[in-house]
Amino acid sequence: MKSMIDLGQMAATVLSVAGVLLNNNQNRWCFPLWLLSNAICFAYHWRARLFGLAVRDVIFLVLAVAGWIQWSYYA
């Protein structure tokens, strides 16, 4: 089980960094990567009973959706 958690955390980190790189190149595909990354983090934090971090992840999810919609509207 621990190796699955470590793999999930690594995947979330790689997705998040890839999202930042795409954002720096003004590529709207950064948002789906951030959505997936934040969903993984939310699941991990919820399961670990780190509810404050889970709430933060939900906020980041909402912001990623809002950013994707707004960026699609102006593109």
C-alpha atoms as a PDB file:
ATOM      1  CA  MET A   1       0.000   0.000   0.000  1.00  0.00           C
ATOM      2  CA  LYS A   2       2.813   2.408   0.824  1.00  0.00           C
ATOM      3  CA  SER A   3       4.331   1.980  -2.643  1.00  0.00           C
ATOM      4  CA  MET A   4       0.953   2.897  -4.212  1.00  0.00           C
ATOM      5  CA  ILE A   5       0.818   6.059  -2.114  1.00  0.00           C
ATOM      6  CA  ASP A   6       4.363   6.974  -3.105  1.00  0.00           C
ATOM      7  CA  LEU A   7       3.531   6.312  -6.762  1.00  0.00           C
ATOM      8  CA  GLY A   8       0.418   8.508  -6.494  1.00  0.00           C
ATOM      9  CA  GLN A   9       2.356  11.331  -4.892  1.00  0.00           C
ATOM     10  CA  MET A  10       5.024  11.091  -7.570  1.00  0.00           C
ATOM     11  CA  ALA A  11       2.395  11.132 -10.324  1.00  0.00           C
ATOM     12  CA  ALA A  12       0.709  14.185  -8.779  1.00  0.00           C
ATOM     13  CA  THR A  13       4.049  15.996  -8.602  1.00  0.00           C
ATOM     14  CA  VAL A  14       4.985  15.177 -12.201  1.00  0.00           C
ATOM     15  CA  LEU A  15       1.538  16.265 -13.433  1.00  0.00           C
ATOM     16  CA  SER A  16       1.734  19.488 -11.451  1.00  0.00           C
ATOM     17  CA  VAL A  17       5.198  20.389 -12.771  1.00  0.00           C
ATOM     18  CA  ALA A  18       4.119  19.533 -16.317  1.00  0.00           C
ATOM     19  CA  GLY A  19       1.096  21.797 -15.813  1.00  0.00           C
ATOM     20  CA  VAL A  20       3.341  24.667 -14.744  1.00  0.00           C
ATOM     21  CA  LEU A  21       5.558  24.167 -17.802  1.00  0.00           C
ATOM     22  CA  LEU A  22       2.522  24.177 -20.086  1.00  0.00           C
ATOM     23  CA  ASN A  23       1.168  27.280 -18.344  1.00  0.00           C
ATOM     24  CA  ASN A  24       4.492  29.054 -18.838  1.00  0.00           C
ATOM     25  CA  ASN A  25       4.077  28.369 -22.565  1.00  0.00           C
ATOM     26  CA  GLN A  26       0.475  29.623 -22.443  1.00  0.00           C
ATOM     27  CA  ASN A  27      -0.901  26.186 -23.279  1.00  0.00           C
ATOM     28  CA  ARG A  28      -4.399  25.589 -21.914  1.00  0.00           C
ATOM     29  CA  TRP A  29      -3.679  21.857 -21.429  1.00  0.00           C
ATOM     30  CA  CYS A  30      -2.116  22.857 -18.121  1.00  0.00           C
ATOM     31  CA  PHE A  31      -5.604  22.862 -16.573  1.00  0.00           C
ATOM     32  CA  PRO A  32      -6.483  19.180 -17.129  1.00  0.00           C
ATOM     33  CA  LEU A  33      -3.094  18.226 -15.705  1.00  0.00           C
ATOM     34  CA  TRP A  34      -3.723  20.375 -12.636  1.00  0.00           C
ATOM     35  CA  LEU A  35      -7.206  18.896 -12.264  1.00  0.00           C
ATOM     36  CA  LEU A  36      -5.790  15.390 -12.236  1.00  0.00           C
ATOM     37  CA  SER A  37      -2.921  16.351  -9.946  1.00  0.00           C
ATOM     38  CA  ASN A  38      -5.247  18.021  -7.450  1.00  0.00           C
ATOM     39  CA  ALA A  39      -7.680  15.110  -7.559  1.00  0.00           C
ATOM     40  CA  ILE A  40      -4.857  12.710  -6.689  1.00  0.00           C
ATOM     41  CA  CYS A  41      -3.695  14.976  -3.865  1.00  0.00           C
ATOM     42  CA  PHE A  42      -7.252  15.319  -2.580  1.00  0.00           C
ATOM     43  CA  ALA A  43      -7.680  11.539  -2.453  1.00  0.00           C
ATOM     44  CA  TYR A  44      -4.387  11.115  -0.633  1.00  0.00           C
ATOM     45  CA  HIS A  45      -5.077  13.893   1.871  1.00  0.00           C
ATOM     46  CA  TRP A  46      -8.653  12.729   2.516  1.00  0.00           C
ATOM     47  CA  ARG A  47      -7.524   9.146   3.099  1.00  0.00           C
ATOM     48  CA  ALA A  48      -4.776  10.370   5.445  1.00  0.00           C
ATOM     49  CA  ARG A  49      -7.405  12.448   7.300  1.00  0.00           C
ATOM     50  CA  LEU A  50      -5.587  15.679   6.476  1.00  0.00           C
ATOM     51  CA  PHE A  51      -8.816  17.560   6.001  1.00  0.00           C
ATOM     52  CA  GLY A  52      -7.297  21.036   5.843  1.00  0.00           C
ATOM     53  CA  LEU A  53      -5.133  20.010   2.901  1.00  0.00           C
ATOM     54  CA  ALA A  54      -8.102  18.221   1.321  1.00  0.00           C
ATOM     55  CA  VAL A  55     -10.092  21.470   1.446  1.00  0.00           C
ATOM     56  CA  ARG A  56      -7.170  23.279  -0.159  1.00  0.00           C
ATOM     57  CA  ASP A  57      -7.131  20.680  -2.928  1.00  0.00           C
ATOM     58  CA  VAL A  58     -10.839  21.242  -3.578  1.00  0.00           C
ATOM     59  CA  ILE A  59     -10.198  24.982  -3.838  1.00  0.00           C
ATOM     60  CA  PHE A  60      -7.383  24.314  -6.323  1.00  0.00           C
ATOM     61  CA  LEU A  61      -9.724  22.043  -8.305  1.00  0.00           C
ATOM     62  CA  VAL A  62     -12.345  24.784  -8.508  1.00  0.00           C
ATOM     63  CA  LEU A  63      -9.714  27.345  -9.532  1.00  0.00           C
ATOM     64  CA  ALA A  64      -8.388  25.015 -12.252  1.00  0.00           C
ATOM     65  CA  VAL A  65     -11.897  24.555 -13.659  1.00  0.00           C
ATOM     66  CA  ALA A  66     -12.543  28.307 -13.527  1.00  0.00           C
ATOM     67  CA  GLY A  67      -9.196  29.045 -15.186  1.00  0.00           C
ATOM     68  CA  TRP A  68      -9.816  26.505 -17.928  1.00  0.00           C
ATOM     69  CA  ILE A  69     -13.256  27.949 -18.648  1.00  0.00           C
ATOM     70  CA  GLN A  70     -12.000  31.527 -18.596  1.00  0.00           C
ATOM     71  CA  TRP A  71      -8.984  30.777 -20.749  1.00  0.00           C
ATOM     72  CA  SER A  72     -11.157  28.879 -23.254  1.00  0.00           C
ATOM     73  CA  TYR A  73     -13.549  31.831 -23.385  1.00  0.00           C
ATOM     74  CA  TYR A  74     -10.805  34.332 -24.235  1.00  0.00           C
ATOM     75  CA  ALA A  75      -8.793  32.065 -26.555  1.00  0.00           C
END
